[in-house]
Structure formats: structure tokens, C-alpha cells
């Protein structure tokens, strides 16, 4: 998940993921430091849906 013009202030380490297909969540900043990327590591394949 890429979000341009954003800064991440939250902490994903406290989320309860044990009953989900999400194994872990990673995040970081890229570009000039004002873009955020969030990566969801999954335990199984899922069908992607996107809503704007």
C-alpha cells in the first residue's frame, strides 16, 4: 500500500493478527521521505479488492 504525501505515526506491533491471514505488517518511507509504503505479509493467498 503506497500513500504519497504521508507520514506514518502509528505502531502496528500492538495489533492482534492471530485470527487473520496477516502474518506481519512492515512499513517505511521512500522517495523524499514524504511517501509511506505499508506491506502486509500474508499466511495464505487472498483475492485482491480495491476501493477508491
Foldseek 3Di string as FASTA:
>chain_A
DKDAQADDDDDPPPDDCPPDQFPDKDKAADDVRRMIDIDTDGNDDDDDDDDD
